[in-house]
C-alpha cells in the first residue's frame, strides 16, 4: 500500500516540477531537506523552491524510467532515471540523470527529506 502512495506522490512531484507549482512542491518537500545536486552543491528546501519561484529552473520535459521503491518502515528510498529538458538560468539543456530520493513519513504525511542527483555519462565504467 505504501508503495502506491509513494508512486502517487512521485507523480505529483513530477507534475509540480513541470508546472513550476511552488505550493505543491512546498507540500511535498520536508522543511529540513538536504539535496545534493549533480554539481556537488548541497541545497535546502528554500533554495529548491526559490529556483522554481524565480524561474531559475524551468522544466519542459520530465520522462521517468527504471523507478525502484524500497520501504524501511516510515522511510522509502526511490531511485529512478529521468530524461530532463528545460531552461536553467535561461540556458536550454537536455540530459539524462539518476535520482535518489528519501521519503520520510512524519505525522502521518510523506515528504522528501533528502536526495541526490547525478548526470548519466556515456563514459566507460573503468
PDB file of N, CA and C in Angstrom:
ATOM      1  N   UNK A   1       0.823  -1.206   0.000  1.00  0.00           N
ATOM      2  CA  UNK A   1       0.000   0.000   0.000  1.00  0.00           C
ATOM      3  C   UNK A   1       0.866   1.269   0.000  1.00  0.00           C
ATOM      4  N   UNK A   2       1.901   1.303   0.857  1.00  0.00           N
ATOM      5  CA  UNK A   2       2.771   2.473   0.886  1.00  0.00           C
ATOM      6  C   UNK A   2       3.464   2.697  -0.452  1.00  0.00           C
ATOM      7  N   UNK A   3       3.757   1.613  -1.182  1.00  0.00           N
ATOM      8  CA  UNK A   3       4.401   1.760  -2.489  1.00  0.00           C
ATOM      9  C   UNK A   3       3.503   2.543  -3.445  1.00  0.00           C
ATOM     10  N   UNK A   4       2.207   2.265  -3.408  1.00  0.00           N
ATOM     11  CA  UNK A   4       1.272   3.008  -4.265  1.00  0.00           C
ATOM     12  C   UNK A   4       1.202   4.476  -3.847  1.00  0.00           C
ATOM     13  N   UNK A   5       1.284   4.723  -2.546  1.00  0.00           N
ATOM     14  CA  UNK A   5       1.279   6.107  -2.056  1.00  0.00           C
ATOM     15  C   UNK A   5       2.506   6.843  -2.575  1.00  0.00           C
ATOM     16  N   UNK A   6       3.664   6.217  -2.476  1.00  0.00           N
ATOM     17  CA  UNK A   6       4.903   6.847  -2.950  1.00  0.00           C
ATOM     18  C   UNK A   6       4.848   7.047  -4.460  1.00  0.00           C
ATOM     19  N   UNK A   7       4.342   6.080  -5.208  1.00  0.00           N
ATOM     20  CA  UNK A   7       4.199   6.242  -6.666  1.00  0.00           C
ATOM     21  C   UNK A   7       3.322   7.451  -6.989  1.00  0.00           C
ATOM     22  N   UNK A   8       2.216   7.599  -6.254  1.00  0.00           N
ATOM     23  CA  UNK A   8       1.318   8.745  -6.460  1.00  0.00           C
ATOM     24  C   UNK A   8       2.023  10.053  -6.129  1.00  0.00           C
ATOM     25  N   UNK A   9       2.772  10.075  -5.031  1.00  0.00           N
ATOM     26  CA  UNK A   9       3.495  11.281  -4.640  1.00  0.00           C
ATOM     27  C   UNK A   9       4.600  11.615  -5.638  1.00  0.00           C
ATOM     28  N   UNK A  10       5.250  10.594  -6.165  1.00  0.00           N
ATOM     29  CA  UNK A  10       6.279  10.823  -7.187  1.00  0.00           C
ATOM     30  C   UNK A  10       5.670  11.465  -8.437  1.00  0.00           C
ATOM     31  N   UNK A  11       4.478  11.036  -8.816  1.00  0.00           N
ATOM     32  CA  UNK A  11       3.814  11.639  -9.977  1.00  0.00           C
ATOM     33  C   UNK A  11       3.390  13.074  -9.668  1.00  0.00           C
ATOM     34  N   UNK A  12       2.914  13.324  -8.446  1.00  0.00           N
ATOM     35  CA  UNK A  12       2.581  14.703  -8.051  1.00  0.00           C
ATOM     36  C   UNK A  12       3.820  15.583  -8.110  1.00  0.00           C
ATOM     37  N   UNK A  13       4.951  15.036  -7.673  1.00  0.00           N
ATOM     38  CA  UNK A  13       6.207  15.777  -7.721  1.00  0.00           C
ATOM     39  C   UNK A  13       6.583  16.089  -9.164  1.00  0.00           C
ATOM     40  N   UNK A  14       6.485  15.108 -10.040  1.00  0.00           N
ATOM     41  CA  UNK A  14       6.807  15.312 -11.463  1.00  0.00           C
ATOM     42  C   UNK A  14       5.938  16.411 -12.059  1.00  0.00           C
ATOM     43  N   UNK A  15       4.646  16.346 -11.799  1.00  0.00           N
ATOM     44  CA  UNK A  15       3.718  17.349 -12.331  1.00  0.00           C
ATOM     45  C   UNK A  15       4.007  18.739 -11.761  1.00  0.00           C
ATOM     46  N   UNK A  16       4.307  18.805 -10.474  1.00  0.00           N
ATOM     47  CA  UNK A  16       4.614  20.090  -9.837  1.00  0.00           C
ATOM     48  C   UNK A  16       5.897  20.685 -10.404  1.00  0.00           C
ATOM     49  N   UNK A  17       6.888  19.841 -10.658  1.00  0.00           N
ATOM     50  CA  UNK A  17       8.138  20.324 -11.245  1.00  0.00           C
ATOM     51  C   UNK A  17       7.900  20.857 -12.651  1.00  0.00           C
ATOM     52  N   UNK A  18       7.122  20.139 -13.449  1.00  0.00           N
ATOM     53  CA  UNK A  18       6.813  20.593 -14.816  1.00  0.00           C
ATOM     54  C   UNK A  18       6.049  21.912 -14.814  1.00  0.00           C
ATOM     55  N   UNK A  19       5.120  22.056 -13.873  1.00  0.00           N
ATOM     56  CA  UNK A  19       4.282  23.253 -13.812  1.00  0.00           C
ATOM     57  C   UNK A  19       4.940  24.397 -13.044  1.00  0.00           C
ATOM     58  N   UNK A  20       6.050  24.117 -12.358  1.00  0.00           N
ATOM     59  CA  UNK A  20       6.654  25.139 -11.502  1.00  0.00           C
ATOM     60  C   UNK A  20       5.733  25.493 -10.354  1.00  0.00           C
ATOM     61  N   UNK A  21       4.959  24.513  -9.878  1.00  0.00           N
ATOM     62  CA  UNK A  21       3.961  24.707  -8.827  1.00  0.00           C
ATOM     63  C   UNK A  21       4.632  24.719  -7.452  1.00  0.00           C
ATOM     64  N   UNK A  22       5.037  25.891  -7.010  1.00  0.00           N
ATOM     65  CA  UNK A  22       5.771  26.050  -5.760  1.00  0.00           C
ATOM     66  C   UNK A  22       4.929  25.621  -4.564  1.00  0.00           C
ATOM     67  N   UNK A  23       3.644  25.878  -4.597  1.00  0.00           N
ATOM     68  CA  UNK A  23       2.762  25.479  -3.498  1.00  0.00           C
ATOM     69  C   UNK A  23       2.746  23.959  -3.322  1.00  0.00           C
ATOM     70  N   UNK A  24       2.618  23.219  -4.436  1.00  0.00           N
ATOM     71  CA  UNK A  24       2.619  21.754  -4.367  1.00  0.00           C
ATOM     72  C   UNK A  24       3.997  21.244  -3.950  1.00  0.00           C
ATOM     73  N   UNK A  25       5.056  21.834  -4.480  1.00  0.00           N
ATOM     74  CA  UNK A  25       6.407  21.435  -4.096  1.00  0.00           C
ATOM     75  C   UNK A  25       6.631  21.659  -2.601  1.00  0.00           C
ATOM     76  N   UNK A  26       6.113  22.763  -2.085  1.00  0.00           N
ATOM     77  CA  UNK A  26       6.225  23.080  -0.660  1.00  0.00           C
ATOM     78  C   UNK A  26       5.597  21.976   0.200  1.00  0.00           C
ATOM     79  N   UNK A  27       4.488  21.420  -0.263  1.00  0.00           N
ATOM     80  CA  UNK A  27       3.816  20.334   0.458  1.00  0.00           C
ATOM     81  C   UNK A  27       4.605  19.031   0.398  1.00  0.00           C
ATOM     82  N   UNK A  28       5.274  18.779  -0.705  1.00  0.00           N
ATOM     83  CA  UNK A  28       5.963  17.507  -0.923  1.00  0.00           C
ATOM     84  C   UNK A  28       7.364  17.456  -0.325  1.00  0.00           C
ATOM     85  N   UNK A  29       7.948  18.617  -0.074  1.00  0.00           N
ATOM     86  CA  UNK A  29       9.336  18.686   0.395  1.00  0.00           C
ATOM     87  C   UNK A  29       9.362  19.028   1.884  1.00  0.00           C
ATOM     88  N   UNK A  30      10.139  18.257   2.638  1.00  0.00           N
ATOM     89  CA  UNK A  30      10.281  18.495   4.080  1.00  0.00           C
ATOM     90  C   UNK A  30      11.051  19.788   4.336  1.00  0.00           C
ATOM     91  N   UNK A  31      10.730  20.453   5.436  1.00  0.00           N
ATOM     92  CA  UNK A  31      11.395  21.706   5.783  1.00  0.00           C
ATOM     93  C   UNK A  31      12.898  21.525   5.974  1.00  0.00           C
ATOM     94  N   UNK A  32      13.322  20.323   6.389  1.00  0.00           N
ATOM     95  CA  UNK A  32      14.745  20.074   6.644  1.00  0.00           C
ATOM     96  C   UNK A  32      15.440  19.343   5.496  1.00  0.00           C
ATOM     97  N   UNK A  33      14.926  19.520   4.273  1.00  0.00           N
ATOM     98  CA  UNK A  33      15.508  18.880   3.091  1.00  0.00           C
ATOM     99  C   UNK A  33      17.011  19.128   2.973  1.00  0.00           C
ATOM    100  N   UNK A  34      17.730  18.070   2.592  1.00  0.00           N
ATOM    101  CA  UNK A  34      19.136  18.156   2.202  1.00  0.00           C
ATOM    102  C   UNK A  34      19.218  17.463   0.847  1.00  0.00           C
ATOM    103  N   UNK A  35      19.571  18.217  -0.204  1.00  0.00           N
ATOM    104  CA  UNK A  35      19.598  17.658  -1.552  1.00  0.00           C
ATOM    105  C   UNK A  35      20.929  18.009  -2.208  1.00  0.00           C
ATOM    106  N   UNK A  36      21.618  16.997  -2.717  1.00  0.00           N
ATOM    107  CA  UNK A  36      22.899  17.204  -3.388  1.00  0.00           C
ATOM    108  C   UNK A  36      22.686  17.188  -4.898  1.00  0.00           C
ATOM    109  N   UNK A  37      23.036  18.292  -5.540  1.00  0.00           N
ATOM    110  CA  UNK A  37      22.900  18.428  -6.985  1.00  0.00           C
ATOM    111  C   UNK A  37      24.015  17.688  -7.708  1.00  0.00           C
ATOM    112  N   UNK A  38      23.870  17.532  -9.014  1.00  0.00           N
ATOM    113  CA  UNK A  38      24.878  16.838  -9.822  1.00  0.00           C
ATOM    114  C   UNK A  38      26.219  17.564  -9.833  1.00  0.00           C
ATOM    115  N   UNK A  39      26.228  18.815  -9.432  1.00  0.00           N
ATOM    116  CA  UNK A  39      27.465  19.594  -9.360  1.00  0.00           C
ATOM    117  C   UNK A  39      28.179  19.415  -8.021  1.00  0.00           C
ATOM    118  N   UNK A  40      27.510  18.763  -7.073  1.00  0.00           N
ATOM    119  CA  UNK A  40      28.062  18.603  -5.729  1.00  0.00           C
ATOM    120  C   UNK A  40      27.537  19.646  -4.757  1.00  0.00           C
ATOM    121  N   UNK A  41      26.862  20.668  -5.267  1.00  0.00           N
ATOM    122  CA  UNK A  41      26.274  21.694  -4.417  1.00  0.00           C
ATOM    123  C   UNK A  41      25.137  21.092  -3.601  1.00  0.00           C
ATOM    124  N   UNK A  42      25.097  21.425  -2.314  1.00  0.00           N
ATOM    125  CA  UNK A  42      24.022  20.952  -1.439  1.00  0.00           C
ATOM    126  C   UNK A  42      23.040  22.105  -1.230  1.00  0.00           C
ATOM    127  N   UNK A  43      21.756  21.819  -1.490  1.00  0.00           N
ATOM    128  CA  UNK A  43      20.723  22.848  -1.331  1.00  0.00           C
ATOM    129  C   UNK A  43      19.702  22.409  -0.289  1.00  0.00           C
ATOM    130  N   UNK A  44      18.910  23.389   0.153  1.00  0.00           N
ATOM    131  CA  UNK A  44      17.833  23.103   1.101  1.00  0.00           C
ATOM    132  C   UNK A  44      16.479  23.386   0.438  1.00  0.00           C
ATOM    133  N   UNK A  45      15.432  23.258   1.206  1.00  0.00           N
ATOM    134  CA  UNK A  45      14.078  23.434   0.666  1.00  0.00           C
ATOM    135  C   UNK A  45      13.886  24.829   0.074  1.00  0.00           C
ATOM    136  N   UNK A  46      14.326  25.849   0.789  1.00  0.00           N
ATOM    137  CA  UNK A  46      14.116  27.213   0.309  1.00  0.00           C
ATOM    138  C   UNK A  46      14.859  27.473  -1.001  1.00  0.00           C
ATOM    139  N   UNK A  47      16.061  26.916  -1.123  1.00  0.00           N
ATOM    140  CA  UNK A  47      16.815  27.047  -2.379  1.00  0.00           C
ATOM    141  C   UNK A  47      16.033  26.422  -3.533  1.00  0.00           C
ATOM    142  N   UNK A  48      15.509  25.224  -3.286  1.00  0.00           N
ATOM    143  CA  UNK A  48      14.760  24.492  -4.319  1.00  0.00           C
ATOM    144  C   UNK A  48      13.515  25.271  -4.731  1.00  0.00           C
ATOM    145  N   UNK A  49      12.746  25.708  -3.737  1.00  0.00           N
ATOM    146  CA  UNK A  49      11.513  26.447  -4.043  1.00  0.00           C
ATOM    147  C   UNK A  49      11.809  27.755  -4.766  1.00  0.00           C
ATOM    148  N   UNK A  50      12.854  28.452  -4.352  1.00  0.00           N
ATOM    149  CA  UNK A  50      13.204  29.729  -4.982  1.00  0.00           C
ATOM    150  C   UNK A  50      13.620  29.541  -6.441  1.00  0.00           C
ATOM    151  N   UNK A  51      14.301  28.435  -6.753  1.00  0.00           N
ATOM    152  CA  UNK A  51      14.692  28.168  -8.137  1.00  0.00           C
ATOM    153  C   UNK A  51      13.462  28.073  -9.039  1.00  0.00           C
ATOM    154  N   UNK A  52      12.381  27.511  -8.514  1.00  0.00           N
ATOM    155  CA  UNK A  52      11.132  27.414  -9.287  1.00  0.00           C
ATOM    156  C   UNK A  52      10.383  28.756  -9.269  1.00  0.00           C
ATOM    157  N   UNK A  53      10.298  29.368  -8.101  1.00  0.00           N
ATOM    158  CA  UNK A  53       9.561  30.627  -7.952  1.00  0.00           C
ATOM    159  C   UNK A  53      10.148  31.722  -8.835  1.00  0.00           C
ATOM    160  N   UNK A  54      11.464  31.816  -8.887  1.00  0.00           N
ATOM    161  CA  UNK A  54      12.143  32.871  -9.640  1.00  0.00           C
ATOM    162  C   UNK A  54      12.353  32.517 -11.111  1.00  0.00           C
ATOM    163  N   UNK A  55      11.974  31.305 -11.498  1.00  0.00           N
ATOM    164  CA  UNK A  55      12.138  30.900 -12.889  1.00  0.00           C
ATOM    165  C   UNK A  55      13.571  30.521 -13.245  1.00  0.00           C
ATOM    166  N   UNK A  56      14.417  30.303 -12.240  1.00  0.00           N
ATOM    167  CA  UNK A  56      15.797  29.884 -12.492  1.00  0.00           C
ATOM    168  C   UNK A  56      15.797  28.508 -13.149  1.00  0.00           C
ATOM    169  N   UNK A  57      14.918  27.619 -12.659  1.00  0.00           N
ATOM    170  CA  UNK A  57      14.781  26.263 -13.180  1.00  0.00           C
ATOM    171  C   UNK A  57      13.382  26.095 -13.763  1.00  0.00           C
ATOM    172  N   UNK A  58      13.305  25.803 -15.048  1.00  0.00           N
ATOM    173  CA  UNK A  58      12.022  25.534 -15.710  1.00  0.00           C
ATOM    174  C   UNK A  58      12.149  24.234 -16.483  1.00  0.00           C
ATOM    175  N   UNK A  59      11.282  23.278 -16.176  1.00  0.00           N
ATOM    176  CA  UNK A  59      11.298  22.002 -16.876  1.00  0.00           C
ATOM    177  C   UNK A  59      10.293  22.008 -18.019  1.00  0.00           C
ATOM    178  N   UNK A  60      10.702  21.478 -19.154  1.00  0.00           N
ATOM    179  CA  UNK A  60       9.784  21.296 -20.275  1.00  0.00           C
ATOM    180  C   UNK A  60       9.541  19.815 -20.541  1.00  0.00           C
ATOM    181  N   UNK A  61      10.419  18.964 -19.996  1.00  0.00           N
ATOM    182  CA  UNK A  61      10.263  17.521 -20.158  1.00  0.00           C
ATOM    183  C   UNK A  61      10.822  16.816 -18.937  1.00  0.00           C
ATOM    184  N   UNK A  62      10.029  15.895 -18.394  1.00  0.00           N
ATOM    185  CA  UNK A  62      10.481  15.006 -17.328  1.00  0.00           C
ATOM    186  C   UNK A  62       9.905  13.635 -17.648  1.00  0.00           C
ATOM    187  N   UNK A  63      10.737  12.782 -18.226  1.00  0.00           N
ATOM    188  CA  UNK A  63      10.323  11.419 -18.557  1.00  0.00           C
ATOM    189  C   UNK A  63      11.083  10.461 -17.654  1.00  0.00           C
ATOM    190  N   UNK A  64      10.343   9.655 -16.896  1.00  0.00           N
ATOM    191  CA  UNK A  64      10.939   8.773 -15.894  1.00  0.00           C
ATOM    192  C   UNK A  64      10.987   7.334 -16.367  1.00  0.00           C
ATOM    193  N   UNK A  65      12.007   6.625 -15.881  1.00  0.00           N
ATOM    194  CA  UNK A  65      12.209   5.222 -16.237  1.00  0.00           C
ATOM    195  C   UNK A  65      12.951   4.544 -15.090  1.00  0.00           C
ATOM    196  N   UNK A  66      12.868   3.225 -15.050  1.00  0.00           N
ATOM    197  CA  UNK A  66      13.646   2.409 -14.120  1.00  0.00           C
ATOM    198  C   UNK A  66      13.466   2.844 -12.663  1.00  0.00           C
ATOM    199  N   UNK A  67      12.235   3.125 -12.270  1.00  0.00           N
ATOM    200  CA  UNK A  67      11.973   3.538 -10.880  1.00  0.00           C
ATOM    201  C   UNK A  67      11.895   2.313  -9.979  1.00  0.00           C
ATOM    202  N   UNK A  68      12.579   2.406  -8.864  1.00  0.00           N
ATOM    203  CA  UNK A  68      12.522   1.373  -7.842  1.00  0.00           C
ATOM    204  C   UNK A  68      12.206   2.040  -6.520  1.00  0.00           C
ATOM    205  N   UNK A  69      11.344   1.387  -5.737  1.00  0.00           N
ATOM    206  CA  UNK A  69      10.947   1.914  -4.435  1.00  0.00           C
ATOM    207  C   UNK A  69      11.227   0.849  -3.387  1.00  0.00           C
ATOM    208  N   UNK A  70      11.953   1.233  -2.346  1.00  0.00           N
ATOM    209  CA  UNK A  70      12.239   0.341  -1.228  1.00  0.00           C
ATOM    210  C   UNK A  70      11.706   0.992   0.045  1.00  0.00           C
ATOM    211  N   UNK A  71      10.971   0.210   0.837  1.00  0.00           N
ATOM    212  CA  UNK A  71      10.396   0.729   2.085  1.00  0.00           C
ATOM    213  C   UNK A  71      11.161   0.222   3.288  1.00  0.00           C
ATOM    214  N   UNK A  72      11.344   1.110   4.244  1.00  0.00           N
ATOM    215  CA  UNK A  72      12.012   0.794   5.505  1.00  0.00           C
ATOM    216  C   UNK A  72      11.219   1.465   6.624  1.00  0.00           C
ATOM    217  N   UNK A  73      10.064   0.892   6.954  1.00  0.00           N
ATOM    218  CA  UNK A  73       9.218   1.495   7.983  1.00  0.00           C
ATOM    219  C   UNK A  73       8.645   2.818   7.509  1.00  0.00           C
ATOM    220  N   UNK A  74       8.978   3.879   8.243  1.00  0.00           N
ATOM    221  CA  UNK A  74       8.478   5.214   7.899  1.00  0.00           C
ATOM    222  C   UNK A  74       9.427   5.953   6.963  1.00  0.00           C
ATOM    223  N   UNK A  75      10.169   5.193   6.174  1.00  0.00           N
ATOM    224  CA  UNK A  75      11.110   5.752   5.211  1.00  0.00           C
ATOM    225  C   UNK A  75      10.987   4.968   3.911  1.00  0.00           C
ATOM    226  N   UNK A  76      11.086   5.653   2.792  1.00  0.00           N
ATOM    227  CA  UNK A  76      11.093   4.996   1.484  1.00  0.00           C
ATOM    228  C   UNK A  76      12.226   5.602   0.662  1.00  0.00           C
ATOM    229  N   UNK A  77      12.959   4.732  -0.022  1.00  0.00           N
ATOM    230  CA  UNK A  77      14.043   5.165  -0.896  1.00  0.00           C
ATOM    231  C   UNK A  77      13.599   4.929  -2.331  1.00  0.00           C
ATOM    232  N   UNK A  78      13.626   5.986  -3.118  1.00  0.00           N
ATOM    233  CA  UNK A  78      13.232   5.911  -4.525  1.00  0.00           C
ATOM    234  C   UNK A  78      14.461   6.189  -5.380  1.00  0.00           C
ATOM    235  N   UNK A  79      14.707   5.307  -6.341  1.00  0.00           N
ATOM    236  CA  UNK A  79      15.750   5.551  -7.338  1.00  0.00           C
ATOM    237  C   UNK A  79      15.094   5.513  -8.702  1.00  0.00           C
ATOM    238  N   UNK A  80      15.563   6.350  -9.609  1.00  0.00           N
ATOM    239  CA  UNK A  80      14.983   6.393 -10.949  1.00  0.00           C
ATOM    240  C   UNK A  80      15.921   7.072 -11.917  1.00  0.00           C
ATOM    241  N   UNK A  81      15.632   6.862 -13.176  1.00  0.00           N
ATOM    242  CA  UNK A  81      16.334   7.545 -14.263  1.00  0.00           C
ATOM    243  C   UNK A  81      15.363   8.555 -14.855  1.00  0.00           C
ATOM    244  N   UNK A  82      15.856   9.747 -15.174  1.00  0.00           N
ATOM    245  CA  UNK A  82      14.996  10.797 -15.715  1.00  0.00           C
ATOM    246  C   UNK A  82      15.651  11.468 -16.911  1.00  0.00           C
ATOM    247  N   UNK A  83      14.902  11.553 -18.004  1.00  0.00           N
ATOM    248  CA  UNK A  83      15.309  12.366 -19.145  1.00  0.00           C
ATOM    249  C   UNK A  83      14.673  13.731 -18.941  1.00  0.00           C
ATOM    250  N   UNK A  84      15.512  14.736 -18.756  1.00  0.00           N
ATOM    251  CA  UNK A  84      15.040  16.080 -18.452  1.00  0.00           C
ATOM    252  C   UNK A  84      15.414  17.050 -19.563  1.00  0.00           C
ATOM    253  N   UNK A  85      14.544  18.036 -19.752  1.00  0.00           N
ATOM    254  CA  UNK A  85      14.842  19.155 -20.647  1.00  0.00           C
ATOM    255  C   UNK A  85      14.200  20.391 -20.044  1.00  0.00           C
ATOM    256  N   UNK A  86      14.787  21.529 -20.344  1.00  0.00           N
ATOM    257  CA  UNK A  86      14.231  22.768 -19.835  1.00  0.00           C
ATOM    258  C   UNK A  86      15.209  23.908 -19.967  1.00  0.00           C
ATOM    259  N   UNK A  87      15.020  24.879 -19.086  1.00  0.00           N
ATOM    260  CA  UNK A  87      15.886  26.054 -19.037  1.00  0.00           C
ATOM    261  C   UNK A  87      16.459  26.183 -17.631  1.00  0.00           C
ATOM    262  N   UNK A  88      17.752  26.462 -17.543  1.00  0.00           N
ATOM    263  CA  UNK A  88      18.388  26.746 -16.264  1.00  0.00           C
ATOM    264  C   UNK A  88      19.134  28.056 -16.431  1.00  0.00           C
ATOM    265  N   UNK A  89      18.719  29.071 -15.687  1.00  0.00           N
ATOM    266  CA  UNK A  89      19.255  30.434 -15.843  1.00  0.00           C
ATOM    267  C   UNK A  89      19.141  30.882 -17.297  1.00  0.00           C
ATOM    268  N   UNK A  90      18.030  30.510 -17.945  1.00  0.00           N
ATOM    269  CA  UNK A  90      17.775  30.931 -19.310  1.00  0.00           C
ATOM    270  C   UNK A  90      18.477  30.114 -20.382  1.00  0.00           C
ATOM    271  N   UNK A  91      19.303  29.169 -19.988  1.00  0.00           N
ATOM    272  CA  UNK A  91      20.034  28.333 -20.943  1.00  0.00           C
ATOM    273  C   UNK A  91      19.311  27.001 -21.127  1.00  0.00           C
ATOM    274  N   UNK A  92      19.056  26.626 -22.373  1.00  0.00           N
ATOM    275  CA  UNK A  92      18.389  25.362 -22.657  1.00  0.00           C
ATOM    276  C   UNK A  92      19.326  24.193 -22.351  1.00  0.00           C
ATOM    277  N   UNK A  93      18.746  23.117 -21.848  1.00  0.00           N
ATOM    278  CA  UNK A  93      19.514  21.896 -21.615  1.00  0.00           C
ATOM    279  C   UNK A  93      18.614  20.689 -21.832  1.00  0.00           C
ATOM    280  N   UNK A  94      19.250  19.571 -22.074  1.00  0.00           N
ATOM    281  CA  UNK A  94      18.575  18.285 -22.199  1.00  0.00           C
ATOM    282  C   UNK A  94      19.601  17.231 -21.810  1.00  0.00           C
ATOM    283  N   UNK A  95      19.275  16.419 -20.810  1.00  0.00           N
ATOM    284  CA  UNK A  95      20.235  15.415 -20.328  1.00  0.00           C
ATOM    285  C   UNK A  95      19.497  14.333 -19.556  1.00  0.00           C
ATOM    286  N   UNK A  96      20.231  13.261 -19.289  1.00  0.00           N
ATOM    287  CA  UNK A  96      19.697  12.151 -18.516  1.00  0.00           C
ATOM    288  C   UNK A  96      20.364  12.132 -17.148  1.00  0.00           C
ATOM    289  N   UNK A  97      19.549  11.917 -16.118  1.00  0.00           N
ATOM    290  CA  UNK A  97      20.027  11.942 -14.742  1.00  0.00           C
ATOM    291  C   UNK A  97      19.520  10.717 -13.983  1.00  0.00           C
ATOM    292  N   UNK A  98      20.204  10.385 -12.894  1.00  0.00           N
ATOM    293  CA  UNK A  98      19.770   9.380 -11.937  1.00  0.00           C
ATOM    294  C   UNK A  98      19.489  10.098 -10.625  1.00  0.00           C
ATOM    295  N   UNK A  99      18.317   9.834 -10.077  1.00  0.00           N
ATOM    296  CA  UNK A  99      17.913  10.436  -8.813  1.00  0.00           C
ATOM    297  C   UNK A  99      17.790   9.382  -7.728  1.00  0.00           C
ATOM    298  N   UNK A 100      18.102   9.774  -6.519  1.00  0.00           N
ATOM    299  CA  UNK A 100      17.767   9.021  -5.316  1.00  0.00           C
ATOM    300  C   UNK A 100      17.024  10.002  -4.420  1.00  0.00           C
ATOM    301  N   UNK A 101      15.847   9.612  -3.966  1.00  0.00           N
ATOM    302  CA  UNK A 101      15.068  10.458  -3.061  1.00  0.00           C
ATOM    303  C   UNK A 101      14.704   9.642  -1.823  1.00  0.00           C
ATOM    304  N   UNK A 102      14.779  10.281  -0.678  1.00  0.00           N
ATOM    305  CA  UNK A 102      14.398   9.659   0.585  1.00  0.00           C
ATOM    306  C   UNK A 102      13.101  10.323   1.041  1.00  0.00           C
ATOM    307  N   UNK A 103      12.036   9.518   1.056  1.00  0.00           N
ATOM    308  CA  UNK A 103      10.736   9.978   1.556  1.00  0.00           C
ATOM    309  C   UNK A 103      10.607   9.528   3.009  1.00  0.00           C
ATOM    310  N   UNK A 104      10.178  10.422   3.888  1.00  0.00           N
ATOM    311  CA  UNK A 104      10.011  10.118   5.303  1.00  0.00           C
ATOM    312  C   UNK A 104       8.565  10.414   5.698  1.00  0.00           C
ATOM    313  N   UNK A 105       7.997   9.492   6.466  1.00  0.00           N
ATOM    314  CA  UNK A 105       6.628   9.673   6.951  1.00  0.00           C
ATOM    315  C   UNK A 105       6.682  10.220   8.370  1.00  0.00           C
ATOM    316  N   UNK A 106       6.182  11.461   8.518  1.00  0.00           N
ATOM    317  CA  UNK A 106       6.118  12.132   9.819  1.00  0.00           C
ATOM    318  C   UNK A 106       4.705  12.663   9.998  1.00  0.00           C
ATOM    319  N   UNK A 107       4.180  12.501  11.170  1.00  0.00           N
ATOM    320  CA  UNK A 107       2.825  12.989  11.466  1.00  0.00           C
ATOM    321  C   UNK A 107       1.851  12.551  10.376  1.00  0.00           C
ATOM    322  N   UNK A 108       1.990  11.280   9.979  1.00  0.00           N
ATOM    323  CA  UNK A 108       1.107  10.641   9.003  1.00  0.00           C
ATOM    324  C   UNK A 108       1.160  11.294   7.614  1.00  0.00           C
ATOM    325  N   UNK A 109       2.302  11.901   7.282  1.00  0.00           N
ATOM    326  CA  UNK A 109       2.464  12.583   5.992  1.00  0.00           C
ATOM    327  C   UNK A 109       3.840  12.283   5.414  1.00  0.00           C
ATOM    328  N   UNK A 110       3.876  11.885   4.142  1.00  0.00           N
ATOM    329  CA  UNK A 110       5.123  11.590   3.450  1.00  0.00           C
ATOM    330  C   UNK A 110       5.689  12.856   2.808  1.00  0.00           C
ATOM    331  N   UNK A 111       7.002  13.092   3.013  1.00  0.00           N
ATOM    332  CA  UNK A 111       7.693  14.210   2.364  1.00  0.00           C
ATOM    333  C   UNK A 111       9.119  13.792   2.018  1.00  0.00           C
ATOM    334  N   UNK A 112       9.705  14.479   1.059  1.00  0.00           N
ATOM    335  CA  UNK A 112      11.093  14.227   0.679  1.00  0.00           C
ATOM    336  C   UNK A 112      11.997  14.929   1.688  1.00  0.00           C
ATOM    337  N   UNK A 113      12.866  14.137   2.344  1.00  0.00           N
ATOM    338  CA  UNK A 113      13.773  14.691   3.338  1.00  0.00           C
ATOM    339  C   UNK A 113      15.203  14.821   2.814  1.00  0.00           C
ATOM    340  N   UNK A 114      15.544  14.004   1.811  1.00  0.00           N
ATOM    341  CA  UNK A 114      16.899  14.045   1.274  1.00  0.00           C
ATOM    342  C   UNK A 114      16.905  13.502  -0.141  1.00  0.00           C
ATOM    343  N   UNK A 115      17.941  13.869  -0.880  1.00  0.00           N
ATOM    344  CA  UNK A 115      18.054  13.357  -2.234  1.00  0.00           C
ATOM    345  C   UNK A 115      19.405  13.664  -2.839  1.00  0.00           C
ATOM    346  N   UNK A 116      19.622  13.040  -3.979  1.00  0.00           N
ATOM    347  CA  UNK A 116      20.866  13.225  -4.722  1.00  0.00           C
ATOM    348  C   UNK A 116      20.566  13.001  -6.195  1.00  0.00           C
ATOM    349  N   UNK A 117      21.232  13.757  -7.044  1.00  0.00           N
ATOM    350  CA  UNK A 117      21.083  13.579  -8.488  1.00  0.00           C
ATOM    351  C   UNK A 117      22.463  13.552  -9.124  1.00  0.00           C
ATOM    352  N   UNK A 118      22.631  12.650 -10.088  1.00  0.00           N
ATOM    353  CA  UNK A 118      23.878  12.549 -10.850  1.00  0.00           C
ATOM    354  C   UNK A 118      23.533  12.520 -12.326  1.00  0.00           C
ATOM    355  N   UNK A 119      24.332  13.201 -13.124  1.00  0.00           N
ATOM    356  CA  UNK A 119      24.122  13.162 -14.565  1.00  0.00           C
ATOM    357  C   UNK A 119      24.671  11.849 -15.107  1.00  0.00           C
ATOM    358  N   UNK A 120      23.916  11.225 -15.989  1.00  0.00           N
ATOM    359  CA  UNK A 120      24.333   9.973 -16.601  1.00  0.00           C
ATOM    360  C   UNK A 120      25.342  10.285 -17.693  1.00  0.00           C
ATOM    361  N   UNK A 121      26.431   9.554 -17.676  1.00  0.00           N
ATOM    362  CA  UNK A 121      27.517   9.768 -18.623  1.00  0.00           C
ATOM    363  C   UNK A 121      27.625   8.562 -19.560  1.00  0.00           C
ATOM    364  N   UNK A 122      28.113   8.809 -20.762  1.00  0.00           N
ATOM    365  CA  UNK A 122      28.373   7.739 -21.707  1.00  0.00           C
ATOM    366  C   UNK A 122      29.778   7.171 -21.530  1.00  0.00           C
ATOM    367  N   UNK A 123      30.525   7.719 -20.585  1.00  0.00           N
ATOM    368  CA  UNK A 123      31.906   7.271 -20.375  1.00  0.00           C
ATOM    369  C   UNK A 123      31.924   5.826 -19.893  1.00  0.00           C
ATOM    370  N   UNK A 124      32.966   5.088 -20.251  1.00  0.00           N
ATOM    371  CA  UNK A 124      33.062   3.693 -19.787  1.00  0.00           C
ATOM    372  C   UNK A 124      33.202   3.648 -18.274  1.00  0.00           C
ATOM    373  N   UNK A 125      32.758   2.555 -17.671  1.00  0.00           N
ATOM    374  CA  UNK A 125      32.779   2.401 -16.229  1.00  0.00           C
ATOM    375  C   UNK A 125      34.198   2.477 -15.684  1.00  0.00           C
ATOM    376  N   UNK A 126      35.126   1.814 -16.353  1.00  0.00           N
ATOM    377  CA  UNK A 126      36.523   1.800 -15.869  1.00  0.00           C
ATOM    378  C   UNK A 126      37.467   2.214 -16.967  1.00  0.00           C
TER     379      UNK A 126
END
